[in-house]
Amino acid sequence: MARSTSKDAQALFHSLRSAYSATPTNLKIIDLYVVFAIFTALFQVAYIAIVGSFPFNSFLSALLSCVGTAVLAVCLRIQVNKENKEFKDLAPERAFADFVLCNLVLHLVIMNFLG
């Protein structure tokens, strides 16, 4: 049974790898940005667990910044993807401008929360 499970897992990873190799480069860059934001948030949570949470507002602000940026980047990826039929009339430049504006508003709110 373990042998068939590992064979299925290898087939799944092979199909995911072949499907992701067909992904355009700009979407891969956005994916890397999302992964970086998530790993930064996880690193902050690990740091708070080890060191302590003295400036708790700073921790919350940094965590919300990472999570909010990741969410906005996923929205950008959805809008820029050519295979998505809902946003076919939206120009990639407009989607990126929306992303930048939303990030600006997000970080202004986060800087205000810092106190």
PDB file of N, CA and C in Angstrom:
ATOM      1  N   MET A   1       0.815  -1.194   0.000  1.00  0.00           N
ATOM      2  CA  MET A   1       0.000   0.000   0.000  1.00  0.00           C
ATOM      3  C   MET A   1       0.861   1.262   0.000  1.00  0.00           C
ATOM      4  N   ALA A   2       1.965   1.233   0.730  1.00  0.00           N
ATOM      5  CA  ALA A   2       2.846   2.398   0.768  1.00  0.00           C
ATOM      6  C   ALA A   2       3.493   2.634  -0.593  1.00  0.00           C
ATOM      7  N   ARG A   3       3.722   1.549  -1.330  1.00  0.00           N
ATOM      8  CA  ARG A   3       4.345   1.701  -2.640  1.00  0.00           C
ATOM      9  C   ARG A   3       3.414   2.401  -3.622  1.00  0.00           C
ATOM     10  N   SER A   4       2.140   2.061  -3.594  1.00  0.00           N
ATOM     11  CA  SER A   4       1.197   2.719  -4.495  1.00  0.00           C
ATOM     12  C   SER A   4       0.972   4.170  -4.099  1.00  0.00           C
ATOM     13  N   THR A   5       1.048   4.462  -2.804  1.00  0.00           N
ATOM     14  CA  THR A   5       0.890   5.843  -2.356  1.00  0.00           C
ATOM     15  C   THR A   5       2.052   6.701  -2.838  1.00  0.00           C
ATOM     16  N   SER A   6       3.270   6.184  -2.748  1.00  0.00           N
ATOM     17  CA  SER A   6       4.419   6.961  -3.215  1.00  0.00           C
ATOM     18  C   SER A   6       4.386   7.112  -4.732  1.00  0.00           C
ATOM     19  N   LYS A   7       3.896   6.108  -5.432  1.00  0.00           N
ATOM     20  CA  LYS A   7       3.781   6.209  -6.893  1.00  0.00           C
ATOM     21  C   LYS A   7       2.741   7.263  -7.275  1.00  0.00           C
ATOM     22  N   ASP A   8       1.643   7.302  -6.534  1.00  0.00           N
ATOM     23  CA  ASP A   8       0.623   8.319  -6.783  1.00  0.00           C
ATOM     24  C   ASP A   8       1.154   9.712  -6.489  1.00  0.00           C
ATOM     25  N   ALA A   9       1.918   9.830  -5.409  1.00  0.00           N
ATOM     26  CA  ALA A   9       2.488  11.125  -5.061  1.00  0.00           C
ATOM     27  C   ALA A   9       3.470  11.595  -6.128  1.00  0.00           C
ATOM     28  N   GLN A  10       4.280  10.678  -6.639  1.00  0.00           N
ATOM     29  CA  GLN A  10       5.225  11.047  -7.696  1.00  0.00           C
ATOM     30  C   GLN A  10       4.493  11.471  -8.961  1.00  0.00           C
ATOM     31  N   ALA A  11       3.405  10.782  -9.284  1.00  0.00           N
ATOM     32  CA  ALA A  11       2.618  11.157 -10.461  1.00  0.00           C
ATOM     33  C   ALA A  11       1.981  12.527 -10.269  1.00  0.00           C
ATOM     34  N   LEU A  12       1.517  12.805  -9.064  1.00  0.00           N
ATOM     35  CA  LEU A  12       0.926  14.108  -8.772  1.00  0.00           C
ATOM     36  C   LEU A  12       1.955  15.219  -8.892  1.00  0.00           C
ATOM     37  N   PHE A  13       3.148  15.018  -8.303  1.00  0.00           N
ATOM     38  CA  PHE A  13       4.195  16.034  -8.385  1.00  0.00           C
ATOM     39  C   PHE A  13       4.658  16.241  -9.822  1.00  0.00           C
ATOM     40  N   HIS A  14       4.733  15.172 -10.595  1.00  0.00           N
ATOM     41  CA  HIS A  14       5.135  15.296 -11.997  1.00  0.00           C
ATOM     42  C   HIS A  14       4.100  16.098 -12.795  1.00  0.00           C
ATOM     43  N   SER A  15       2.829  15.829 -12.548  1.00  0.00           N
ATOM     44  CA  SER A  15       1.800  16.570 -13.280  1.00  0.00           C
ATOM     45  C   SER A  15       1.759  18.036 -12.854  1.00  0.00           C
ATOM     46  N   LEU A  16       1.962  18.302 -11.560  1.00  0.00           N
ATOM     47  CA  LEU A  16       2.009  19.699 -11.102  1.00  0.00           C
ATOM     48  C   LEU A  16       3.211  20.425 -11.687  1.00  0.00           C
ATOM     49  N   ARG A  17       4.358  19.761 -11.714  1.00  0.00           N
ATOM     50  CA  ARG A  17       5.563  20.382 -12.258  1.00  0.00           C
ATOM     51  C   ARG A  17       5.407  20.673 -13.748  1.00  0.00           C
ATOM     52  N   SER A  18       4.814  19.761 -14.489  1.00  0.00           N
ATOM     53  CA  SER A  18       4.645  19.985 -15.927  1.00  0.00           C
ATOM     54  C   SER A  18       3.600  21.072 -16.193  1.00  0.00           C
ATOM     55  N   ALA A  19       2.574  21.142 -15.369  1.00  0.00           N
ATOM     56  CA  ALA A  19       1.574  22.196 -15.544  1.00  0.00           C
ATOM     57  C   ALA A  19       2.148  23.565 -15.166  1.00  0.00           C
ATOM     58  N   TYR A  20       2.976  23.605 -14.118  1.00  0.00           N
ATOM     59  CA  TYR A  20       3.542  24.883 -13.684  1.00  0.00           C
ATOM     60  C   TYR A  20       4.632  25.366 -14.635  1.00  0.00           C
ATOM     61  N   SER A  21       5.258  24.464 -15.359  1.00  0.00           N
ATOM     62  CA  SER A  21       6.285  24.892 -16.316  1.00  0.00           C
ATOM     63  C   SER A  21       5.670  25.673 -17.473  1.00  0.00           C
ATOM     64  N   ALA A  22       4.378  25.484 -17.720  1.00  0.00           N
ATOM     65  CA  ALA A  22       3.690  26.224 -18.776  1.00  0.00           C
ATOM     66  C   ALA A  22       3.180  27.584 -18.303  1.00  0.00           C
ATOM     67  N   THR A  23       3.354  27.882 -17.034  1.00  0.00           N
ATOM     68  CA  THR A  23       2.900  29.158 -16.481  1.00  0.00           C
ATOM     69  C   THR A  23       3.807  30.286 -16.963  1.00  0.00           C
ATOM     70  N   PRO A  24       3.237  31.432 -17.347  1.00  0.00           N
ATOM     71  CA  PRO A  24       4.064  32.561 -17.791  1.00  0.00           C
ATOM     72  C   PRO A  24       4.988  33.074 -16.680  1.00  0.00           C
ATOM     73  N   THR A  25       6.061  33.715 -17.087  1.00  0.00           N
ATOM     74  CA  THR A  25       7.078  34.167 -16.148  1.00  0.00           C
ATOM     75  C   THR A  25       6.549  35.232 -15.193  1.00  0.00           C
ATOM     76  N   ASN A  26       5.703  36.134 -15.672  1.00  0.00           N
ATOM     77  CA  ASN A  26       5.204  37.189 -14.784  1.00  0.00           C
ATOM     78  C   ASN A  26       4.344  36.605 -13.655  1.00  0.00           C
ATOM     79  N   LEU A  27       3.636  35.524 -13.917  1.00  0.00           N
ATOM     80  CA  LEU A  27       2.859  34.882 -12.860  1.00  0.00           C
ATOM     81  C   LEU A  27       3.766  34.150 -11.877  1.00  0.00           C
ATOM     82  N   LYS A  28       4.868  33.606 -12.371  1.00  0.00           N
ATOM     83  CA  LYS A  28       5.822  32.949 -11.472  1.00  0.00           C
ATOM     84  C   LYS A  28       6.483  33.955 -10.540  1.00  0.00           C
ATOM     85  N   ILE A  29       6.751  35.149 -11.047  1.00  0.00           N
ATOM     86  CA  ILE A  29       7.345  36.200 -10.213  1.00  0.00           C
ATOM     87  C   ILE A  29       6.361  36.612  -9.117  1.00  0.00           C
ATOM     88  N   ILE A  30       5.105  36.744  -9.461  1.00  0.00           N
ATOM     89  CA  ILE A  30       4.091  37.079  -8.460  1.00  0.00           C
ATOM     90  C   ILE A  30       3.970  35.954  -7.435  1.00  0.00           C
ATOM     91  N   ASP A  31       4.058  34.702  -7.884  1.00  0.00           N
ATOM     92  CA  ASP A  31       4.020  33.567  -6.963  1.00  0.00           C
ATOM     93  C   ASP A  31       5.185  33.610  -5.980  1.00  0.00           C
ATOM     94  N   LEU A  32       6.376  33.936  -6.466  1.00  0.00           N
ATOM     95  CA  LEU A  32       7.538  34.055  -5.582  1.00  0.00           C
ATOM     96  C   LEU A  32       7.341  35.172  -4.557  1.00  0.00           C
ATOM     97  N   TYR A  33       6.739  36.264  -4.979  1.00  0.00           N
ATOM     98  CA  TYR A  33       6.467  37.376  -4.072  1.00  0.00           C
ATOM     99  C   TYR A  33       5.483  36.958  -2.973  1.00  0.00           C
ATOM    100  N   VAL A  34       4.467  36.196  -3.335  1.00  0.00           N
ATOM    101  CA  VAL A  34       3.492  35.707  -2.358  1.00  0.00           C
ATOM    102  C   VAL A  34       4.165  34.753  -1.378  1.00  0.00           C
ATOM    103  N   VAL A  35       4.987  33.850  -1.887  1.00  0.00           N
ATOM    104  CA  VAL A  35       5.694  32.913  -1.007  1.00  0.00           C
ATOM    105  C   VAL A  35       6.624  33.660  -0.065  1.00  0.00           C
ATOM    106  N   PHE A  36       7.313  34.683  -0.571  1.00  0.00           N
ATOM    107  CA  PHE A  36       8.187  35.490   0.283  1.00  0.00           C
ATOM    108  C   PHE A  36       7.403  36.181   1.390  1.00  0.00           C
ATOM    109  N   ALA A  37       6.246  36.741   1.067  1.00  0.00           N
ATOM    110  CA  ALA A  37       5.433  37.421   2.073  1.00  0.00           C
ATOM    111  C   ALA A  37       4.933  36.440   3.126  1.00  0.00           C
ATOM    112  N   ILE A  38       4.531  35.251   2.714  1.00  0.00           N
ATOM    113  CA  ILE A  38       4.050  34.245   3.672  1.00  0.00           C
ATOM    114  C   ILE A  38       5.190  33.768   4.566  1.00  0.00           C
ATOM    115  N   PHE A  39       6.369  33.510   3.989  1.00  0.00           N
ATOM    116  CA  PHE A  39       7.505  33.079   4.807  1.00  0.00           C
ATOM    117  C   PHE A  39       7.947  34.172   5.768  1.00  0.00           C
ATOM    118  N   THR A  40       7.856  35.421   5.363  1.00  0.00           N
ATOM    119  CA  THR A  40       8.186  36.513   6.267  1.00  0.00           C
ATOM    120  C   THR A  40       7.210  36.555   7.436  1.00  0.00           C
ATOM    121  N   ALA A  41       5.938  36.338   7.170  1.00  0.00           N
ATOM    122  CA  ALA A  41       4.947  36.298   8.248  1.00  0.00           C
ATOM    123  C   ALA A  41       5.211  35.127   9.188  1.00  0.00           C
ATOM    124  N   LEU A  42       5.531  33.970   8.640  1.00  0.00           N
ATOM    125  CA  LEU A  42       5.840  32.811   9.481  1.00  0.00           C
ATOM    126  C   LEU A  42       7.096  33.043  10.317  1.00  0.00           C
ATOM    127  N   PHE A  43       8.088  33.692   9.734  1.00  0.00           N
ATOM    128  CA  PHE A  43       9.301  34.026  10.478  1.00  0.00           C
ATOM    129  C   PHE A  43       8.991  34.974  11.632  1.00  0.00           C
ATOM    130  N   GLN A  44       8.109  35.940  11.405  1.00  0.00           N
ATOM    131  CA  GLN A  44       7.735  36.866  12.464  1.00  0.00           C
ATOM    132  C   GLN A  44       7.004  36.154  13.597  1.00  0.00           C
ATOM    133  N   VAL A  45       6.127  35.221  13.251  1.00  0.00           N
ATOM    134  CA  VAL A  45       5.414  34.459  14.285  1.00  0.00           C
ATOM    135  C   VAL A  45       6.394  33.608  15.076  1.00  0.00           C
ATOM    136  N   ALA A  46       7.364  32.983  14.407  1.00  0.00           N
ATOM    137  CA  ALA A  46       8.375  32.187  15.111  1.00  0.00           C
ATOM    138  C   ALA A  46       9.229  33.074  16.012  1.00  0.00           C
ATOM    139  N   TYR A  47       9.589  34.243  15.531  1.00  0.00           N
ATOM    140  CA  TYR A  47      10.381  35.178  16.335  1.00  0.00           C
ATOM    141  C   TYR A  47       9.627  35.611  17.584  1.00  0.00           C
ATOM    142  N   ILE A  48       8.350  35.917  17.428  1.00  0.00           N
ATOM    143  CA  ILE A  48       7.526  36.330  18.575  1.00  0.00           C
ATOM    144  C   ILE A  48       7.394  35.187  19.572  1.00  0.00           C
ATOM    145  N   ALA A  49       7.293  33.943  19.062  1.00  0.00           N
ATOM    146  CA  ALA A  49       7.172  32.785  19.953  1.00  0.00           C
ATOM    147  C   ALA A  49       8.457  32.555  20.736  1.00  0.00           C
ATOM    148  N   ILE A  50       9.602  32.830  20.125  1.00  0.00           N
ATOM    149  CA  ILE A  50      10.887  32.594  20.798  1.00  0.00           C
ATOM    150  C   ILE A  50      11.261  33.750  21.716  1.00  0.00           C
ATOM    151  N   VAL A  51      11.179  34.973  21.230  1.00  0.00           N
ATOM    152  CA  VAL A  51      11.679  36.136  21.961  1.00  0.00           C
ATOM    153  C   VAL A  51      10.641  36.713  22.909  1.00  0.00           C
ATOM    154  N   GLY A  52       9.401  36.791  22.473  1.00  0.00           N
ATOM    155  CA  GLY A  52       8.361  37.417  23.286  1.00  0.00           C
ATOM    156  C   GLY A  52       7.654  38.481  22.484  1.00  0.00           C
ATOM    157  N   SER A  53       6.572  38.966  23.047  1.00  0.00           N
ATOM    158  CA  SER A  53       5.736  39.907  22.298  1.00  0.00           C
ATOM    159  C   SER A  53       5.636  41.251  23.005  1.00  0.00           C
ATOM    160  N   PHE A  54       6.778  41.857  23.312  1.00  0.00           N
ATOM    161  CA  PHE A  54       6.713  43.131  24.030  1.00  0.00           C
ATOM    162  C   PHE A  54       6.040  44.231  23.226  1.00  0.00           C
ATOM    163  N   PRO A  55       6.552  44.627  22.057  1.00  0.00           N
ATOM    164  CA  PRO A  55       5.778  45.631  21.306  1.00  0.00           C
ATOM    165  C   PRO A  55       4.722  44.928  20.441  1.00  0.00           C
ATOM    166  N   PHE A  56       3.597  44.573  21.062  1.00  0.00           N
ATOM    167  CA  PHE A  56       2.601  43.753  20.380  1.00  0.00           C
ATOM    168  C   PHE A  56       1.984  44.480  19.193  1.00  0.00           C
ATOM    169  N   ASN A  57       1.824  45.806  19.281  1.00  0.00           N
ATOM    170  CA  ASN A  57       1.297  46.559  18.135  1.00  0.00           C
ATOM    171  C   ASN A  57       2.222  46.449  16.928  1.00  0.00           C
ATOM    172  N   SER A  58       3.520  46.457  17.168  1.00  0.00           N
ATOM    173  CA  SER A  58       4.479  46.322  16.065  1.00  0.00           C
ATOM    174  C   SER A  58       4.377  44.949  15.427  1.00  0.00           C
ATOM    175  N   PHE A  59       4.230  43.918  16.268  1.00  0.00           N
ATOM    176  CA  PHE A  59       4.082  42.572  15.730  1.00  0.00           C
ATOM    177  C   PHE A  59       2.817  42.455  14.894  1.00  0.00           C
ATOM    178  N   LEU A  60       1.701  42.956  15.401  1.00  0.00           N
ATOM    179  CA  LEU A  60       0.457  42.891  14.645  1.00  0.00           C
ATOM    180  C   LEU A  60       0.545  43.674  13.346  1.00  0.00           C
ATOM    181  N   SER A  61       1.169  44.822  13.396  1.00  0.00           N
ATOM    182  CA  SER A  61       1.313  45.624  12.179  1.00  0.00           C
ATOM    183  C   SER A  61       2.150  44.905  11.132  1.00  0.00           C
ATOM    184  N   ALA A  62       3.248  44.324  11.558  1.00  0.00           N
ATOM    185  CA  ALA A  62       4.115  43.621  10.611  1.00  0.00           C
ATOM    186  C   ALA A  62       3.423  42.389  10.047  1.00  0.00           C
ATOM    187  N   LEU A  63       2.715  41.660  10.893  1.00  0.00           N
ATOM    188  CA  LEU A  63       2.025  40.465  10.423  1.00  0.00           C
ATOM    189  C   LEU A  63       0.899  40.824   9.450  1.00  0.00           C
ATOM    190  N   LEU A  64       0.133  41.843   9.787  1.00  0.00           N
ATOM    191  CA  LEU A  64      -0.941  42.275   8.889  1.00  0.00           C
ATOM    192  C   LEU A  64      -0.387  42.835   7.581  1.00  0.00           C
ATOM    193  N   SER A  65       0.772  43.451   7.651  1.00  0.00           N
ATOM    194  CA  SER A  65       1.405  43.942   6.429  1.00  0.00           C
ATOM    195  C   SER A  65       1.768  42.789   5.503  1.00  0.00           C
ATOM    196  N   CYS A  66       2.362  41.742   6.057  1.00  0.00           N
ATOM    197  CA  CYS A  66       2.751  40.582   5.238  1.00  0.00           C
ATOM    198  C   CYS A  66       1.529  39.860   4.677  1.00  0.00           C
ATOM    199  N   VAL A  67       0.543  39.622   5.518  1.00  0.00           N
ATOM    200  CA  VAL A  67      -0.638  38.901   5.070  1.00  0.00           C
ATOM    201  C   VAL A  67      -1.432  39.734   4.062  1.00  0.00           C
ATOM    202  N   GLY A  68      -1.585  41.021   4.327  1.00  0.00           N
ATOM    203  CA  GLY A  68      -2.311  41.896   3.411  1.00  0.00           C
ATOM    204  C   GLY A  68      -1.617  42.024   2.068  1.00  0.00           C
ATOM    205  N   THR A  69      -0.299  42.115   2.087  1.00  0.00           N
ATOM    206  CA  THR A  69       0.451  42.194   0.841  1.00  0.00           C
ATOM    207  C   THR A  69       0.320  40.895   0.045  1.00  0.00           C
ATOM    208  N   ALA A  70       0.342  39.770   0.741  1.00  0.00           N
ATOM    209  CA  ALA A  70       0.176  38.484   0.055  1.00  0.00           C
ATOM    210  C   ALA A  70      -1.211  38.375  -0.577  1.00  0.00           C
ATOM    211  N   VAL A  71      -2.222  38.812   0.136  1.00  0.00           N
ATOM    212  CA  VAL A  71      -3.589  38.753  -0.395  1.00  0.00           C
ATOM    213  C   VAL A  71      -3.725  39.662  -1.617  1.00  0.00           C
ATOM    214  N   LEU A  72      -3.165  40.855  -1.537  1.00  0.00           N
ATOM    215  CA  LEU A  72      -3.228  41.764  -2.681  1.00  0.00           C
ATOM    216  C   LEU A  72      -2.451  41.217  -3.874  1.00  0.00           C
ATOM    217  N   ALA A  73      -1.339  40.542  -3.616  1.00  0.00           N
ATOM    218  CA  ALA A  73      -0.575  39.952  -4.712  1.00  0.00           C
ATOM    219  C   ALA A  73      -1.330  38.795  -5.355  1.00  0.00           C
ATOM    220  N   VAL A  74      -2.063  38.024  -4.559  1.00  0.00           N
ATOM    221  CA  VAL A  74      -2.887  36.961  -5.141  1.00  0.00           C
ATOM    222  C   VAL A  74      -3.984  37.566  -6.009  1.00  0.00           C
ATOM    223  N   CYS A  75      -4.571  38.659  -5.558  1.00  0.00           N
ATOM    224  CA  CYS A  75      -5.577  39.346  -6.381  1.00  0.00           C
ATOM    225  C   CYS A  75      -4.967  39.856  -7.683  1.00  0.00           C
ATOM    226  N   LEU A  76      -3.740  40.376  -7.606  1.00  0.00           N
ATOM    227  CA  LEU A  76      -3.045  40.818  -8.820  1.00  0.00           C
ATOM    228  C   LEU A  76      -2.811  39.639  -9.758  1.00  0.00           C
ATOM    229  N   ARG A  77      -2.419  38.502  -9.206  1.00  0.00           N
ATOM    230  CA  ARG A  77      -2.181  37.317 -10.035  1.00  0.00           C
ATOM    231  C   ARG A  77      -3.459  36.875 -10.743  1.00  0.00           C
ATOM    232  N   ILE A  78      -4.565  36.934 -10.042  1.00  0.00           N
ATOM    233  CA  ILE A  78      -5.841  36.548 -10.639  1.00  0.00           C
ATOM    234  C   ILE A  78      -6.200  37.498 -11.785  1.00  0.00           C
ATOM    235  N   GLN A  79      -5.958  38.789 -11.593  1.00  0.00           N
ATOM    236  CA  GLN A  79      -6.325  39.763 -12.614  1.00  0.00           C
ATOM    237  C   GLN A  79      -5.403  39.722 -13.822  1.00  0.00           C
ATOM    238  N   VAL A  80      -4.133  39.386 -13.618  1.00  0.00           N
ATOM    239  CA  VAL A  80      -3.154  39.411 -14.709  1.00  0.00           C
ATOM    240  C   VAL A  80      -3.185  38.121 -15.523  1.00  0.00           C
ATOM    241  N   ASN A  81      -3.689  37.042 -14.951  1.00  0.00           N
ATOM    242  CA  ASN A  81      -3.708  35.744 -15.627  1.00  0.00           C
ATOM    243  C   ASN A  81      -4.544  35.820 -16.906  1.00  0.00           C
ATOM    244  N   LYS A  82      -3.937  35.437 -18.013  1.00  0.00           N
ATOM    245  CA  LYS A  82      -4.616  35.499 -19.316  1.00  0.00           C
ATOM    246  C   LYS A  82      -5.734  34.469 -19.444  1.00  0.00           C
ATOM    247  N   GLU A  83      -5.644  33.377 -18.710  1.00  0.00           N
ATOM    248  CA  GLU A  83      -6.646  32.321 -18.806  1.00  0.00           C
ATOM    249  C   GLU A  83      -7.919  32.646 -18.028  1.00  0.00           C
ATOM    250  N   ASN A  84      -7.875  33.670 -17.193  1.00  0.00           N
ATOM    251  CA  ASN A  84      -9.044  34.058 -16.408  1.00  0.00           C
ATOM    252  C   ASN A  84      -9.974  34.883 -17.285  1.00  0.00           C
ATOM    253  N   LYS A  85     -11.165  34.391 -17.496  1.00  0.00           N
ATOM    254  CA  LYS A  85     -12.104  35.041 -18.416  1.00  0.00           C
ATOM    255  C   LYS A  85     -12.805  36.254 -17.799  1.00  0.00           C
ATOM    256  N   GLU A  86     -12.843  36.331 -16.470  1.00  0.00           N
ATOM    257  CA  GLU A  86     -13.552  37.439 -15.826  1.00  0.00           C
ATOM    258  C   GLU A  86     -12.853  38.773 -16.015  1.00  0.00           C
ATOM    259  N   PHE A  87     -11.529  38.766 -16.113  1.00  0.00           N
ATOM    260  CA  PHE A  87     -10.767  40.003 -16.202  1.00  0.00           C
ATOM    261  C   PHE A  87     -10.097  40.155 -17.563  1.00  0.00           C
ATOM    262  N   LYS A  88     -10.702  39.620 -18.606  1.00  0.00           N
ATOM    263  CA  LYS A  88     -10.064  39.677 -19.916  1.00  0.00           C
ATOM    264  C   LYS A  88     -10.033  41.104 -20.471  1.00  0.00           C
ATOM    265  N   ASP A  89     -10.953  41.979 -20.063  1.00  0.00           N
ATOM    266  CA  ASP A  89     -10.970  43.355 -20.554  1.00  0.00           C
ATOM    267  C   ASP A  89     -10.085  44.280 -19.736  1.00  0.00           C
ATOM    268  N   LEU A  90      -9.562  43.800 -18.618  1.00  0.00           N
ATOM    269  CA  LEU A  90      -8.733  44.616 -17.736  1.00  0.00           C
ATOM    270  C   LEU A  90      -7.279  44.556 -18.189  1.00  0.00           C
ATOM    271  N   ALA A  91      -6.688  45.720 -18.413  1.00  0.00           N
ATOM    272  CA  ALA A  91      -5.289  45.776 -18.837  1.00  0.00           C
ATOM    273  C   ALA A  91      -4.370  45.427 -17.663  1.00  0.00           C
ATOM    274  N   PRO A  92      -3.257  44.750 -17.929  1.00  0.00           N
ATOM    275  CA  PRO A  92      -2.326  44.415 -16.841  1.00  0.00           C
ATOM    276  C   PRO A  92      -1.769  45.648 -16.140  1.00  0.00           C
ATOM    277  N   GLU A  93      -1.621  46.745 -16.878  1.00  0.00           N
ATOM    278  CA  GLU A  93      -1.127  47.980 -16.273  1.00  0.00           C
ATOM    279  C   GLU A  93      -2.135  48.524 -15.267  1.00  0.00           C
ATOM    280  N   ARG A  94      -3.400  48.412 -15.592  1.00  0.00           N
ATOM    281  CA  ARG A  94      -4.456  48.858 -14.676  1.00  0.00           C
ATOM    282  C   ARG A  94      -4.485  47.982 -13.427  1.00  0.00           C
ATOM    283  N   ALA A  95      -4.322  46.676 -13.603  1.00  0.00           N
ATOM    284  CA  ALA A  95      -4.297  45.762 -12.457  1.00  0.00           C
ATOM    285  C   ALA A  95      -3.112  46.075 -11.552  1.00  0.00           C
ATOM    286  N   PHE A  96      -1.952  46.360 -12.152  1.00  0.00           N
ATOM    287  CA  PHE A  96      -0.786  46.699 -11.343  1.00  0.00           C
ATOM    288  C   PHE A  96      -0.967  48.036 -10.636  1.00  0.00           C
ATOM    289  N   ALA A  97      -1.592  49.002 -11.296  1.00  0.00           N
ATOM    290  CA  ALA A  97      -1.863  50.292 -10.653  1.00  0.00           C
ATOM    291  C   ALA A  97      -2.815  50.116  -9.474  1.00  0.00           C
ATOM    292  N   ASP A  98      -3.819  49.269  -9.615  1.00  0.00           N
ATOM    293  CA  ASP A  98      -4.715  48.970  -8.498  1.00  0.00           C
ATOM    294  C   ASP A  98      -3.957  48.317  -7.346  1.00  0.00           C
ATOM    295  N   PHE A  99      -3.050  47.413  -7.689  1.00  0.00           N
ATOM    296  CA  PHE A  99      -2.234  46.739  -6.678  1.00  0.00           C
ATOM    297  C   PHE A  99      -1.384  47.737  -5.904  1.00  0.00           C
ATOM    298  N   VAL A 100      -0.752  48.649  -6.607  1.00  0.00           N
ATOM    299  CA  VAL A 100       0.105  49.654  -5.960  1.00  0.00           C
ATOM    300  C   VAL A 100      -0.731  50.578  -5.077  1.00  0.00           C
ATOM    301  N   LEU A 101      -1.874  51.023  -5.582  1.00  0.00           N
ATOM    302  CA  LEU A 101      -2.732  51.910  -4.800  1.00  0.00           C
ATOM    303  C   LEU A 101      -3.254  51.211  -3.541  1.00  0.00           C
ATOM    304  N   CYS A 102      -3.680  49.980  -3.669  1.00  0.00           N
ATOM    305  CA  CYS A 102      -4.178  49.232  -2.507  1.00  0.00           C
ATOM    306  C   CYS A 102      -3.066  48.972  -1.502  1.00  0.00           C
ATOM    307  N   ASN A 103      -1.844  48.706  -1.977  1.00  0.00           N
ATOM    308  CA  ASN A 103      -0.715  48.540  -1.069  1.00  0.00           C
ATOM    309  C   ASN A 103      -0.408  49.841  -0.336  1.00  0.00           C
ATOM    310  N   LEU A 104      -0.528  50.962  -1.036  1.00  0.00           N
ATOM    311  CA  LEU A 104      -0.297  52.261  -0.404  1.00  0.00           C
ATOM    312  C   LEU A 104      -1.306  52.504   0.716  1.00  0.00           C
ATOM    313  N   VAL A 105      -2.568  52.247   0.440  1.00  0.00           N
ATOM    314  CA  VAL A 105      -3.601  52.420   1.465  1.00  0.00           C
ATOM    315  C   VAL A 105      -3.376  51.453   2.623  1.00  0.00           C
ATOM    316  N   LEU A 106      -3.057  50.209   2.321  1.00  0.00           N
ATOM    317  CA  LEU A 106      -2.803  49.214   3.364  1.00  0.00           C
ATOM    318  C   LEU A 106      -1.674  49.652   4.282  1.00  0.00           C
ATOM    319  N   HIS A 107      -0.589  50.102   3.714  1.00  0.00           N
ATOM    320  CA  HIS A 107       0.554  50.468   4.542  1.00  0.00           C
ATOM    321  C   HIS A 107       0.355  51.796   5.259  1.00  0.00           C
ATOM    322  N   LEU A 108      -0.464  52.678   4.725  1.00  0.00           N
ATOM    323  CA  LEU A 108      -0.809  53.886   5.489  1.00  0.00           C
ATOM    324  C   LEU A 108      -1.632  53.532   6.718  1.00  0.00           C
ATOM    325  N   VAL A 109      -2.560  52.592   6.576  1.00  0.00           N
ATOM    326  CA  VAL A 109      -3.341  52.137   7.723  1.00  0.00           C
ATOM    327  C   VAL A 109      -2.447  51.432   8.740  1.00  0.00           C
ATOM    328  N   ILE A 110      -1.520  50.646   8.268  1.00  0.00           N
ATOM    329  CA  ILE A 110      -0.630  49.926   9.166  1.00  0.00           C
ATOM    330  C   ILE A 110       0.304  50.893   9.892  1.00  0.00           C
ATOM    331  N   MET A 111       0.785  51.912   9.226  1.00  0.00           N
ATOM    332  CA  MET A 111       1.634  52.909   9.905  1.00  0.00           C
ATOM    333  C   MET A 111       0.832  53.687  10.922  1.00  0.00           C
ATOM    334  N   ASN A 112      -0.443  53.908  10.656  1.00  0.00           N
ATOM    335  CA  ASN A 112      -1.297  54.577  11.618  1.00  0.00           C
ATOM    336  C   ASN A 112      -1.531  53.679  12.839  1.00  0.00           C
ATOM    337  N   PHE A 113      -1.614  52.368  12.626  1.00  0.00           N
ATOM    338  CA  PHE A 113      -1.834  51.439  13.722  1.00  0.00           C
ATOM    339  C   PHE A 113      -0.616  51.332  14.631  1.00  0.00           C
ATOM    340  N   LEU A 114       0.561  51.572  14.076  1.00  0.00           N
ATOM    341  CA  LEU A 114       1.778  51.509  14.888  1.00  0.00           C
ATOM    342  C   LEU A 114       1.722  52.500  16.043  1.00  0.00           C
ATOM    343  N   GLY A 115       1.077  53.614  15.828  1.00  0.00           N
ATOM    344  CA  GLY A 115       0.895  54.597  16.888  1.00  0.00           C
ATOM    345  C   GLY A 115       1.985  55.579  16.885  1.00  0.00           C
TER     346      GLY A 115
END
